[in-house]
Amino acid sequence: INEEKMSKSLGNFFTIREVLAHYRP
């Protein structure tokens, strides 16, 4: 995520549903 490894601890963790709220499948 933005060149950092996706991690809940970094707050850059996205579910599929969160992304689908902004982009088409």
mmCIF file of all heavy atoms, coordinates in Angstrom:
data_MODEL
# 
_entry.id   MODEL 
# 
loop_
_atom_site.group_PDB 
_atom_site.id 
_atom_site.type_symbol 
_atom_site.label_atom_id 
_atom_site.label_alt_id 
_atom_site.label_comp_id 
_atom_site.label_asym_id 
_atom_site.label_entity_id 
_atom_site.label_seq_id 
_atom_site.pdbx_PDB_ins_code 
_atom_site.Cartn_x 
_atom_site.Cartn_y 
_atom_site.Cartn_z 
_atom_site.occupancy 
_atom_site.B_iso_or_equiv 
_atom_site.pdbx_formal_charge 
_atom_site.auth_seq_id 
_atom_site.auth_comp_id 
_atom_site.auth_asym_id 
_atom_site.auth_atom_id 
_atom_site.pdbx_PDB_model_num 
ATOM 1   N N   . ILE A 1 1  ? 0.860   -1.187 0.000   1.00 0.00 ? 1  ILE A N   1 
ATOM 2   C CA  . ILE A 1 1  ? 0.000   0.000  0.000   1.00 0.00 ? 1  ILE A CA  1 
ATOM 3   C C   . ILE A 1 1  ? 0.892   1.230  0.000   1.00 0.00 ? 1  ILE A C   1 
ATOM 4   O O   . ILE A 1 1  ? 1.636   1.457  0.958   1.00 0.00 ? 1  ILE A O   1 
ATOM 5   C CB  . ILE A 1 1  ? -0.941  0.028  1.224   1.00 0.00 ? 1  ILE A CB  1 
ATOM 6   C CG1 . ILE A 1 1  ? -1.694  -1.299 1.368   1.00 0.00 ? 1  ILE A CG1 1 
ATOM 7   C CG2 . ILE A 1 1  ? -1.900  1.208  1.120   1.00 0.00 ? 1  ILE A CG2 1 
ATOM 8   C CD1 . ILE A 1 1  ? -2.680  -1.596 0.280   1.00 0.00 ? 1  ILE A CD1 1 
ATOM 9   N N   . ASN A 1 2  ? 0.847   1.993  -1.100  1.00 0.00 ? 2  ASN A N   1 
ATOM 10  C CA  . ASN A 1 2  ? 1.713   3.171  -1.223  1.00 0.00 ? 2  ASN A CA  1 
ATOM 11  C C   . ASN A 1 2  ? 3.166   2.827  -0.907  1.00 0.00 ? 2  ASN A C   1 
ATOM 12  O O   . ASN A 1 2  ? 3.848   3.507  -0.138  1.00 0.00 ? 2  ASN A O   1 
ATOM 13  C CB  . ASN A 1 2  ? 1.208   4.309  -0.327  1.00 0.00 ? 2  ASN A CB  1 
ATOM 14  C CG  . ASN A 1 2  ? -0.158  4.814  -0.760  1.00 0.00 ? 2  ASN A CG  1 
ATOM 15  O OD1 . ASN A 1 2  ? -0.445  4.880  -1.951  1.00 0.00 ? 2  ASN A OD1 1 
ATOM 16  N ND2 . ASN A 1 2  ? -0.998  5.145  0.205   1.00 0.00 ? 2  ASN A ND2 1 
ATOM 17  N N   . GLU A 1 3  ? 3.609   1.710  -1.508  1.00 0.00 ? 3  GLU A N   1 
ATOM 18  C CA  . GLU A 1 3  ? 4.995   1.221  -1.415  1.00 0.00 ? 3  GLU A CA  1 
ATOM 19  C C   . GLU A 1 3  ? 5.373   0.688  -0.038  1.00 0.00 ? 3  GLU A C   1 
ATOM 20  O O   . GLU A 1 3  ? 6.543   0.442  0.231   1.00 0.00 ? 3  GLU A O   1 
ATOM 21  C CB  . GLU A 1 3  ? 6.004   2.314  -1.837  1.00 0.00 ? 3  GLU A CB  1 
ATOM 22  C CG  . GLU A 1 3  ? 5.822   2.805  -3.258  1.00 0.00 ? 3  GLU A CG  1 
ATOM 23  C CD  . GLU A 1 3  ? 5.986   1.701  -4.303  1.00 0.00 ? 3  GLU A CD  1 
ATOM 24  O OE1 . GLU A 1 3  ? 6.551   0.648  -3.977  1.00 0.00 ? 3  GLU A OE1 1 
ATOM 25  O OE2 . GLU A 1 3  ? 5.543   1.906  -5.449  1.00 0.00 ? 3  GLU A OE2 1 
ATOM 26  N N   . GLU A 1 4  ? 4.405   0.513  0.849   1.00 0.00 ? 4  GLU A N   1 
ATOM 27  C CA  . GLU A 1 4  ? 4.664   -0.123 2.138   1.00 0.00 ? 4  GLU A CA  1 
ATOM 28  C C   . GLU A 1 4  ? 3.887   -1.426 2.205   1.00 0.00 ? 4  GLU A C   1 
ATOM 29  O O   . GLU A 1 4  ? 2.776   -1.527 1.675   1.00 0.00 ? 4  GLU A O   1 
ATOM 30  C CB  . GLU A 1 4  ? 4.235   0.771  3.305   1.00 0.00 ? 4  GLU A CB  1 
ATOM 31  C CG  . GLU A 1 4  ? 5.079   2.010  3.498   1.00 0.00 ? 4  GLU A CG  1 
ATOM 32  C CD  . GLU A 1 4  ? 4.653   2.778  4.744   1.00 0.00 ? 4  GLU A CD  1 
ATOM 33  O OE1 . GLU A 1 4  ? 3.466   3.118  4.850   1.00 0.00 ? 4  GLU A OE1 1 
ATOM 34  O OE2 . GLU A 1 4  ? 5.512   3.027  5.611   1.00 0.00 ? 4  GLU A OE2 1 
ATOM 35  N N   . LYS A 1 5  ? 4.455   -2.430 2.862   1.00 0.00 ? 5  LYS A N   1 
ATOM 36  C CA  . LYS A 1 5  ? 3.764   -3.703 2.979   1.00 0.00 ? 5  LYS A CA  1 
ATOM 37  C C   . LYS A 1 5  ? 2.430   -3.506 3.706   1.00 0.00 ? 5  LYS A C   1 
ATOM 38  O O   . LYS A 1 5  ? 2.361   -2.822 4.722   1.00 0.00 ? 5  LYS A O   1 
ATOM 39  C CB  . LYS A 1 5  ? 4.629   -4.709 3.746   1.00 0.00 ? 5  LYS A CB  1 
ATOM 40  C CG  . LYS A 1 5  ? 3.999   -6.103 3.819   1.00 0.00 ? 5  LYS A CG  1 
ATOM 41  C CD  . LYS A 1 5  ? 4.898   -7.085 4.545   1.00 0.00 ? 5  LYS A CD  1 
ATOM 42  C CE  . LYS A 1 5  ? 4.218   -8.440 4.662   1.00 0.00 ? 5  LYS A CE  1 
ATOM 43  N NZ  . LYS A 1 5  ? 5.039   -9.419 5.412   1.00 0.00 ? 5  LYS A NZ  1 
ATOM 44  N N   . MET A 1 6  ? 1.381   -4.100 3.159   1.00 0.00 ? 6  MET A N   1 
ATOM 45  C CA  . MET A 1 6  ? 0.064   -3.986 3.769   1.00 0.00 ? 6  MET A CA  1 
ATOM 46  C C   . MET A 1 6  ? 0.078   -4.580 5.168   1.00 0.00 ? 6  MET A C   1 
ATOM 47  O O   . MET A 1 6  ? 0.522   -5.708 5.362   1.00 0.00 ? 6  MET A O   1 
ATOM 48  C CB  . MET A 1 6  ? -0.970  -4.706 2.894   1.00 0.00 ? 6  MET A CB  1 
ATOM 49  C CG  . MET A 1 6  ? -2.404  -4.494 3.319   1.00 0.00 ? 6  MET A CG  1 
ATOM 50  S SD  . MET A 1 6  ? -3.574  -5.280 2.186   1.00 0.00 ? 6  MET A SD  1 
ATOM 51  C CE  . MET A 1 6  ? -3.216  -7.012 2.477   1.00 0.00 ? 6  MET A CE  1 
ATOM 52  N N   . SER A 1 7  ? -0.408  -3.829 6.139   1.00 0.00 ? 7  SER A N   1 
ATOM 53  C CA  . SER A 1 7  ? -0.352  -4.283 7.521   1.00 0.00 ? 7  SER A CA  1 
ATOM 54  C C   . SER A 1 7  ? -1.407  -3.566 8.345   1.00 0.00 ? 7  SER A C   1 
ATOM 55  O O   . SER A 1 7  ? -1.590  -2.347 8.214   1.00 0.00 ? 7  SER A O   1 
ATOM 56  C CB  . SER A 1 7  ? 1.036   -4.008 8.123   1.00 0.00 ? 7  SER A CB  1 
ATOM 57  O OG  . SER A 1 7  ? 1.032   -4.183 9.521   1.00 0.00 ? 7  SER A OG  1 
ATOM 58  N N   . LYS A 1 8  ? -2.096  -4.321 9.196   1.00 0.00 ? 8  LYS A N   1 
ATOM 59  C CA  . LYS A 1 8  ? -3.075  -3.697 10.086  1.00 0.00 ? 8  LYS A CA  1 
ATOM 60  C C   . LYS A 1 8  ? -2.396  -2.711 11.031  1.00 0.00 ? 8  LYS A C   1 
ATOM 61  O O   . LYS A 1 8  ? -2.939  -1.656 11.348  1.00 0.00 ? 8  LYS A O   1 
ATOM 62  C CB  . LYS A 1 8  ? -3.801  -4.773 10.889  1.00 0.00 ? 8  LYS A CB  1 
ATOM 63  C CG  . LYS A 1 8  ? -4.823  -5.562 10.081  1.00 0.00 ? 8  LYS A CG  1 
ATOM 64  C CD  . LYS A 1 8  ? -5.566  -6.553 10.963  1.00 0.00 ? 8  LYS A CD  1 
ATOM 65  C CE  . LYS A 1 8  ? -6.625  -7.297 10.177  1.00 0.00 ? 8  LYS A CE  1 
ATOM 66  N NZ  . LYS A 1 8  ? -7.352  -8.282 11.003  1.00 0.00 ? 8  LYS A NZ  1 
ATOM 67  N N   . SER A 1 9  ? -1.181  -3.041 11.487  1.00 0.00 ? 9  SER A N   1 
ATOM 68  C CA  . SER A 1 9  ? -0.489  -2.189 12.449  1.00 0.00 ? 9  SER A CA  1 
ATOM 69  C C   . SER A 1 9  ? -0.117  -0.837 11.848  1.00 0.00 ? 9  SER A C   1 
ATOM 70  O O   . SER A 1 9  ? 0.002   0.162  12.560  1.00 0.00 ? 9  SER A O   1 
ATOM 71  C CB  . SER A 1 9  ? 0.767   -2.887 12.968  1.00 0.00 ? 9  SER A CB  1 
ATOM 72  O OG  . SER A 1 9  ? 1.685   -3.136 11.911  1.00 0.00 ? 9  SER A OG  1 
ATOM 73  N N   . LEU A 1 10 ? 0.061   -0.783 10.516  1.00 0.00 ? 10 LEU A N   1 
ATOM 74  C CA  . LEU A 1 10 ? 0.399   0.475  9.856   1.00 0.00 ? 10 LEU A CA  1 
ATOM 75  C C   . LEU A 1 10 ? -0.840  1.266  9.458   1.00 0.00 ? 10 LEU A C   1 
ATOM 76  O O   . LEU A 1 10 ? -0.737  2.393  8.966   1.00 0.00 ? 10 LEU A O   1 
ATOM 77  C CB  . LEU A 1 10 ? 1.246   0.197  8.604   1.00 0.00 ? 10 LEU A CB  1 
ATOM 78  C CG  . LEU A 1 10 ? 2.651   -0.372 8.847   1.00 0.00 ? 10 LEU A CG  1 
ATOM 79  C CD1 . LEU A 1 10 ? 3.306   -0.698 7.513   1.00 0.00 ? 10 LEU A CD1 1 
ATOM 80  C CD2 . LEU A 1 10 ? 3.514   0.604  9.636   1.00 0.00 ? 10 LEU A CD2 1 
ATOM 81  N N   . GLY A 1 11 ? -2.001  0.677  9.671   1.00 0.00 ? 11 GLY A N   1 
ATOM 82  C CA  . GLY A 1 11 ? -3.234  1.354  9.319   1.00 0.00 ? 11 GLY A CA  1 
ATOM 83  C C   . GLY A 1 11 ? -3.476  1.457  7.826   1.00 0.00 ? 11 GLY A C   1 
ATOM 84  O O   . GLY A 1 11 ? -4.239  2.307  7.375   1.00 0.00 ? 11 GLY A O   1 
ATOM 85  N N   . ASN A 1 12 ? -2.806  0.614  7.038   1.00 0.00 ? 12 ASN A N   1 
ATOM 86  C CA  . ASN A 1 12 ? -2.966  0.662  5.579   1.00 0.00 ? 12 ASN A CA  1 
ATOM 87  C C   . ASN A 1 12 ? -3.564  -0.643 5.058   1.00 0.00 ? 12 ASN A C   1 
ATOM 88  O O   . ASN A 1 12 ? -3.154  -1.188 4.044   1.00 0.00 ? 12 ASN A O   1 
ATOM 89  C CB  . ASN A 1 12 ? -1.617  0.924  4.894   1.00 0.00 ? 12 ASN A CB  1 
ATOM 90  C CG  . ASN A 1 12 ? -0.598  -0.181 5.165   1.00 0.00 ? 12 ASN A CG  1 
ATOM 91  O OD1 . ASN A 1 12 ? -0.854  -1.101 5.936   1.00 0.00 ? 12 ASN A OD1 1 
ATOM 92  N ND2 . ASN A 1 12 ? 0.546   -0.100 4.525   1.00 0.00 ? 12 ASN A ND2 1 
ATOM 93  N N   . PHE A 1 13 ? -4.534  -1.129 5.762   1.00 0.00 ? 13 PHE A N   1 
ATOM 94  C CA  . PHE A 1 13 ? -5.125  -2.443 5.521   1.00 0.00 ? 13 PHE A CA  1 
ATOM 95  C C   . PHE A 1 13 ? -6.523  -2.250 4.948   1.00 0.00 ? 13 PHE A C   1 
ATOM 96  O O   . PHE A 1 13 ? -7.364  -1.608 5.560   1.00 0.00 ? 13 PHE A O   1 
ATOM 97  C CB  . PHE A 1 13 ? -5.190  -3.209 6.856   1.00 0.00 ? 13 PHE A CB  1 
ATOM 98  C CG  . PHE A 1 13 ? -5.523  -4.651 6.724   1.00 0.00 ? 13 PHE A CG  1 
ATOM 99  C CD1 . PHE A 1 13 ? -4.532  -5.581 6.528   1.00 0.00 ? 13 PHE A CD1 1 
ATOM 100 C CD2 . PHE A 1 13 ? -6.838  -5.087 6.810   1.00 0.00 ? 13 PHE A CD2 1 
ATOM 101 C CE1 . PHE A 1 13 ? -4.827  -6.925 6.428   1.00 0.00 ? 13 PHE A CE1 1 
ATOM 102 C CE2 . PHE A 1 13 ? -7.149  -6.430 6.704   1.00 0.00 ? 13 PHE A CE2 1 
ATOM 103 C CZ  . PHE A 1 13 ? -6.148  -7.354 6.510   1.00 0.00 ? 13 PHE A CZ  1 
ATOM 104 N N   . PHE A 1 14 ? -6.765  -2.795 3.747   1.00 0.00 ? 14 PHE A N   1 
ATOM 105 C CA  . PHE A 1 14 ? -8.049  -2.601 3.087   1.00 0.00 ? 14 PHE A CA  1 
ATOM 106 C C   . PHE A 1 14 ? -8.719  -3.935 2.791   1.00 0.00 ? 14 PHE A C   1 
ATOM 107 O O   . PHE A 1 14 ? -8.076  -4.857 2.270   1.00 0.00 ? 14 PHE A O   1 
ATOM 108 C CB  . PHE A 1 14 ? -7.879  -1.847 1.769   1.00 0.00 ? 14 PHE A CB  1 
ATOM 109 C CG  . PHE A 1 14 ? -7.372  -0.440 1.935   1.00 0.00 ? 14 PHE A CG  1 
ATOM 110 C CD1 . PHE A 1 14 ? -6.047  -0.134 1.676   1.00 0.00 ? 14 PHE A CD1 1 
ATOM 111 C CD2 . PHE A 1 14 ? -8.216  0.567  2.366   1.00 0.00 ? 14 PHE A CD2 1 
ATOM 112 C CE1 . PHE A 1 14 ? -5.571  1.147  1.826   1.00 0.00 ? 14 PHE A CE1 1 
ATOM 113 C CE2 . PHE A 1 14 ? -7.750  1.865  2.514   1.00 0.00 ? 14 PHE A CE2 1 
ATOM 114 C CZ  . PHE A 1 14 ? -6.433  2.153  2.253   1.00 0.00 ? 14 PHE A CZ  1 
ATOM 115 N N   . THR A 1 15 ? -10.003 -4.030 3.102   1.00 0.00 ? 15 THR A N   1 
ATOM 116 C CA  . THR A 1 15 ? -10.760 -5.198 2.705   1.00 0.00 ? 15 THR A CA  1 
ATOM 117 C C   . THR A 1 15 ? -11.227 -5.021 1.264   1.00 0.00 ? 15 THR A C   1 
ATOM 118 O O   . THR A 1 15 ? -11.262 -3.906 0.729   1.00 0.00 ? 15 THR A O   1 
ATOM 119 C CB  . THR A 1 15 ? -11.991 -5.413 3.602   1.00 0.00 ? 15 THR A CB  1 
ATOM 120 O OG1 . THR A 1 15 ? -12.920 -4.329 3.389   1.00 0.00 ? 15 THR A OG1 1 
ATOM 121 C CG2 . THR A 1 15 ? -11.594 -5.480 5.077   1.00 0.00 ? 15 THR A CG2 1 
ATOM 122 N N   . ILE A 1 16 ? -11.622 -6.132 0.632   1.00 0.00 ? 16 ILE A N   1 
ATOM 123 C CA  . ILE A 1 16 ? -12.147 -6.066 -0.728  1.00 0.00 ? 16 ILE A CA  1 
ATOM 124 C C   . ILE A 1 16 ? -13.362 -5.151 -0.767  1.00 0.00 ? 16 ILE A C   1 
ATOM 125 O O   . ILE A 1 16 ? -13.533 -4.341 -1.683  1.00 0.00 ? 16 ILE A O   1 
ATOM 126 C CB  . ILE A 1 16 ? -12.496 -7.476 -1.230  1.00 0.00 ? 16 ILE A CB  1 
ATOM 127 C CG1 . ILE A 1 16 ? -11.221 -8.333 -1.359  1.00 0.00 ? 16 ILE A CG1 1 
ATOM 128 C CG2 . ILE A 1 16 ? -13.224 -7.412 -2.566  1.00 0.00 ? 16 ILE A CG2 1 
ATOM 129 C CD1 . ILE A 1 16 ? -11.489 -9.779 -1.710  1.00 0.00 ? 16 ILE A CD1 1 
ATOM 130 N N   . ARG A 1 17 ? -14.209 -5.255 0.253   1.00 0.00 ? 17 ARG A N   1 
ATOM 131 C CA  . ARG A 1 17 ? -15.430 -4.454 0.281   1.00 0.00 ? 17 ARG A CA  1 
ATOM 132 C C   . ARG A 1 17 ? -15.145 -2.954 0.372   1.00 0.00 ? 17 ARG A C   1 
ATOM 133 O O   . ARG A 1 17 ? -15.868 -2.136 -0.204  1.00 0.00 ? 17 ARG A O   1 
ATOM 134 C CB  . ARG A 1 17 ? -16.317 -4.901 1.438   1.00 0.00 ? 17 ARG A CB  1 
ATOM 135 C CG  . ARG A 1 17 ? -16.941 -6.259 1.156   1.00 0.00 ? 17 ARG A CG  1 
ATOM 136 C CD  . ARG A 1 17 ? -17.590 -6.914 2.343   1.00 0.00 ? 17 ARG A CD  1 
ATOM 137 N NE  . ARG A 1 17 ? -18.045 -8.223 1.921   1.00 0.00 ? 17 ARG A NE  1 
ATOM 138 C CZ  . ARG A 1 17 ? -19.319 -8.541 1.684   1.00 0.00 ? 17 ARG A CZ  1 
ATOM 139 N NH1 . ARG A 1 17 ? -20.265 -7.645 1.874   1.00 0.00 ? 17 ARG A NH1 1 
ATOM 140 N NH2 . ARG A 1 17 ? -19.638 -9.738 1.277   1.00 0.00 ? 17 ARG A NH2 1 
ATOM 141 N N   . GLU A 1 18 ? -14.109 -2.606 1.099   1.00 0.00 ? 18 GLU A N   1 
ATOM 142 C CA  . GLU A 1 18 ? -13.747 -1.191 1.198   1.00 0.00 ? 18 GLU A CA  1 
ATOM 143 C C   . GLU A 1 18 ? -13.302 -0.648 -0.158  1.00 0.00 ? 18 GLU A C   1 
ATOM 144 O O   . GLU A 1 18 ? -13.638 0.476  -0.535  1.00 0.00 ? 18 GLU A O   1 
ATOM 145 C CB  . GLU A 1 18 ? -12.643 -1.007 2.233   1.00 0.00 ? 18 GLU A CB  1 
ATOM 146 C CG  . GLU A 1 18 ? -13.106 -1.190 3.672   1.00 0.00 ? 18 GLU A CG  1 
ATOM 147 C CD  . GLU A 1 18 ? -11.968 -1.187 4.667   1.00 0.00 ? 18 GLU A CD  1 
ATOM 148 O OE1 . GLU A 1 18 ? -10.842 -1.620 4.317   1.00 0.00 ? 18 GLU A OE1 1 
ATOM 149 O OE2 . GLU A 1 18 ? -12.199 -0.766 5.814   1.00 0.00 ? 18 GLU A OE2 1 
ATOM 150 N N   . VAL A 1 19 ? -12.558 -1.450 -0.900  1.00 0.00 ? 19 VAL A N   1 
ATOM 151 C CA  . VAL A 1 19 ? -12.095 -1.010 -2.218  1.00 0.00 ? 19 VAL A CA  1 
ATOM 152 C C   . VAL A 1 19 ? -13.256 -0.974 -3.209  1.00 0.00 ? 19 VAL A C   1 
ATOM 153 O O   . VAL A 1 19 ? -13.357 -0.068 -4.047  1.00 0.00 ? 19 VAL A O   1 
ATOM 154 C CB  . VAL A 1 19 ? -10.962 -1.917 -2.724  1.00 0.00 ? 19 VAL A CB  1 
ATOM 155 C CG1 . VAL A 1 19 ? -10.441 -1.426 -4.072  1.00 0.00 ? 19 VAL A CG1 1 
ATOM 156 C CG2 . VAL A 1 19 ? -9.817  -1.953 -1.722  1.00 0.00 ? 19 VAL A CG2 1 
ATOM 157 N N   . LEU A 1 20 ? -14.168 -1.947 -3.097  1.00 0.00 ? 20 LEU A N   1 
ATOM 158 C CA  . LEU A 1 20 ? -15.327 -1.987 -3.993  1.00 0.00 ? 20 LEU A CA  1 
ATOM 159 C C   . LEU A 1 20 ? -16.262 -0.800 -3.790  1.00 0.00 ? 20 LEU A C   1 
ATOM 160 O O   . LEU A 1 20 ? -17.087 -0.507 -4.657  1.00 0.00 ? 20 LEU A O   1 
ATOM 161 C CB  . LEU A 1 20 ? -16.105 -3.287 -3.795  1.00 0.00 ? 20 LEU A CB  1 
ATOM 162 C CG  . LEU A 1 20 ? -15.498 -4.542 -4.416  1.00 0.00 ? 20 LEU A CG  1 
ATOM 163 C CD1 . LEU A 1 20 ? -16.256 -5.786 -3.975  1.00 0.00 ? 20 LEU A CD1 1 
ATOM 164 C CD2 . LEU A 1 20 ? -15.475 -4.444 -5.933  1.00 0.00 ? 20 LEU A CD2 1 
ATOM 165 N N   . ALA A 1 21 ? -16.142 -0.119 -2.670  1.00 0.00 ? 21 ALA A N   1 
ATOM 166 C CA  . ALA A 1 21 ? -16.960 1.071  -2.438  1.00 0.00 ? 21 ALA A CA  1 
ATOM 167 C C   . ALA A 1 21 ? -16.527 2.226  -3.342  1.00 0.00 ? 21 ALA A C   1 
ATOM 168 O O   . ALA A 1 21 ? -17.278 3.188  -3.525  1.00 0.00 ? 21 ALA A O   1 
ATOM 169 C CB  . ALA A 1 21 ? -16.875 1.491  -0.972  1.00 0.00 ? 21 ALA A CB  1 
ATOM 170 N N   . HIS A 1 22 ? -15.319 2.119  -3.916  1.00 0.00 ? 22 HIS A N   1 
ATOM 171 C CA  . HIS A 1 22 ? -14.774 3.200  -4.731  1.00 0.00 ? 22 HIS A CA  1 
ATOM 172 C C   . HIS A 1 22 ? -14.447 2.793  -6.165  1.00 0.00 ? 22 HIS A C   1 
ATOM 173 O O   . HIS A 1 22 ? -14.331 3.664  -7.033  1.00 0.00 ? 22 HIS A O   1 
ATOM 174 C CB  . HIS A 1 22 ? -13.521 3.762  -4.071  1.00 0.00 ? 22 HIS A CB  1 
ATOM 175 C CG  . HIS A 1 22 ? -13.735 4.253  -2.670  1.00 0.00 ? 22 HIS A CG  1 
ATOM 176 N ND1 . HIS A 1 22 ? -14.361 5.446  -2.387  1.00 0.00 ? 22 HIS A ND1 1 
ATOM 177 C CD2 . HIS A 1 22 ? -13.440 3.691  -1.469  1.00 0.00 ? 22 HIS A CD2 1 
ATOM 178 C CE1 . HIS A 1 22 ? -14.429 5.610  -1.065  1.00 0.00 ? 22 HIS A CE1 1 
ATOM 179 N NE2 . HIS A 1 22 ? -13.887 4.559  -0.494  1.00 0.00 ? 22 HIS A NE2 1 
ATOM 180 N N   . TYR A 1 23 ? -14.270 1.506  -6.383  1.00 0.00 ? 23 TYR A N   1 
ATOM 181 C CA  . TYR A 1 23 ? -13.898 1.027  -7.712  1.00 0.00 ? 23 TYR A CA  1 
ATOM 182 C C   . TYR A 1 23 ? -14.748 -0.173 -8.103  1.00 0.00 ? 23 TYR A C   1 
ATOM 183 O O   . TYR A 1 23 ? -15.156 -0.968 -7.258  1.00 0.00 ? 23 TYR A O   1 
ATOM 184 C CB  . TYR A 1 23 ? -12.412 0.640  -7.749  1.00 0.00 ? 23 TYR A CB  1 
ATOM 185 C CG  . TYR A 1 23 ? -11.502 1.796  -7.467  1.00 0.00 ? 23 TYR A CG  1 
ATOM 186 C CD1 . TYR A 1 23 ? -11.000 2.008  -6.177  1.00 0.00 ? 23 TYR A CD1 1 
ATOM 187 C CD2 . TYR A 1 23 ? -11.165 2.709  -8.467  1.00 0.00 ? 23 TYR A CD2 1 
ATOM 188 C CE1 . TYR A 1 23 ? -10.180 3.088  -5.900  1.00 0.00 ? 23 TYR A CE1 1 
ATOM 189 C CE2 . TYR A 1 23 ? -10.346 3.792  -8.195  1.00 0.00 ? 23 TYR A CE2 1 
ATOM 190 C CZ  . TYR A 1 23 ? -9.855  3.981  -6.914  1.00 0.00 ? 23 TYR A CZ  1 
ATOM 191 O OH  . TYR A 1 23 ? -9.046  5.059  -6.647  1.00 0.00 ? 23 TYR A OH  1 
ATOM 192 N N   . ARG A 1 24 ? -14.984 -0.302 -9.403  1.00 0.00 ? 24 ARG A N   1 
ATOM 193 C CA  . ARG A 1 24 ? -15.762 -1.417 -9.898  1.00 0.00 ? 24 ARG A CA  1 
ATOM 194 C C   . ARG A 1 24 ? -14.947 -2.711 -9.818  1.00 0.00 ? 24 ARG A C   1 
ATOM 195 O O   . ARG A 1 24 ? -13.715 -2.685 -9.903  1.00 0.00 ? 24 ARG A O   1 
ATOM 196 C CB  . ARG A 1 24 ? -16.210 -1.152 -11.334 1.00 0.00 ? 24 ARG A CB  1 
ATOM 197 C CG  . ARG A 1 24 ? -17.345 -0.159 -11.418 1.00 0.00 ? 24 ARG A CG  1 
ATOM 198 C CD  . ARG A 1 24 ? -17.738 0.146  -12.840 1.00 0.00 ? 24 ARG A CD  1 
ATOM 199 N NE  . ARG A 1 24 ? -16.785 1.060  -13.469 1.00 0.00 ? 24 ARG A NE  1 
ATOM 200 C CZ  . ARG A 1 24 ? -17.008 1.656  -14.641 1.00 0.00 ? 24 ARG A CZ  1 
ATOM 201 N NH1 . ARG A 1 24 ? -18.124 1.430  -15.289 1.00 0.00 ? 24 ARG A NH1 1 
ATOM 202 N NH2 . ARG A 1 24 ? -16.111 2.471  -15.147 1.00 0.00 ? 24 ARG A NH2 1 
ATOM 203 N N   . PRO A 1 25 ? -15.632 -3.844 -9.685  1.00 0.00 ? 25 PRO A N   1 
ATOM 204 C CA  . PRO A 1 25 ? -14.911 -5.124 -9.544  1.00 0.00 ? 25 PRO A CA  1 
ATOM 205 C C   . PRO A 1 25 ? -13.927 -5.394 -10.675 1.00 0.00 ? 25 PRO A C   1 
ATOM 206 O O   . PRO A 1 25 ? -12.801 -5.849 -10.436 1.00 0.00 ? 25 PRO A O   1 
ATOM 207 C CB  . PRO A 1 25 ? -16.044 -6.154 -9.535  1.00 0.00 ? 25 PRO A CB  1 
ATOM 208 C CG  . PRO A 1 25 ? -17.228 -5.412 -9.014  1.00 0.00 ? 25 PRO A CG  1 
ATOM 209 C CD  . PRO A 1 25 ? -17.087 -4.019 -9.537  1.00 0.00 ? 25 PRO A CD  1 
# 
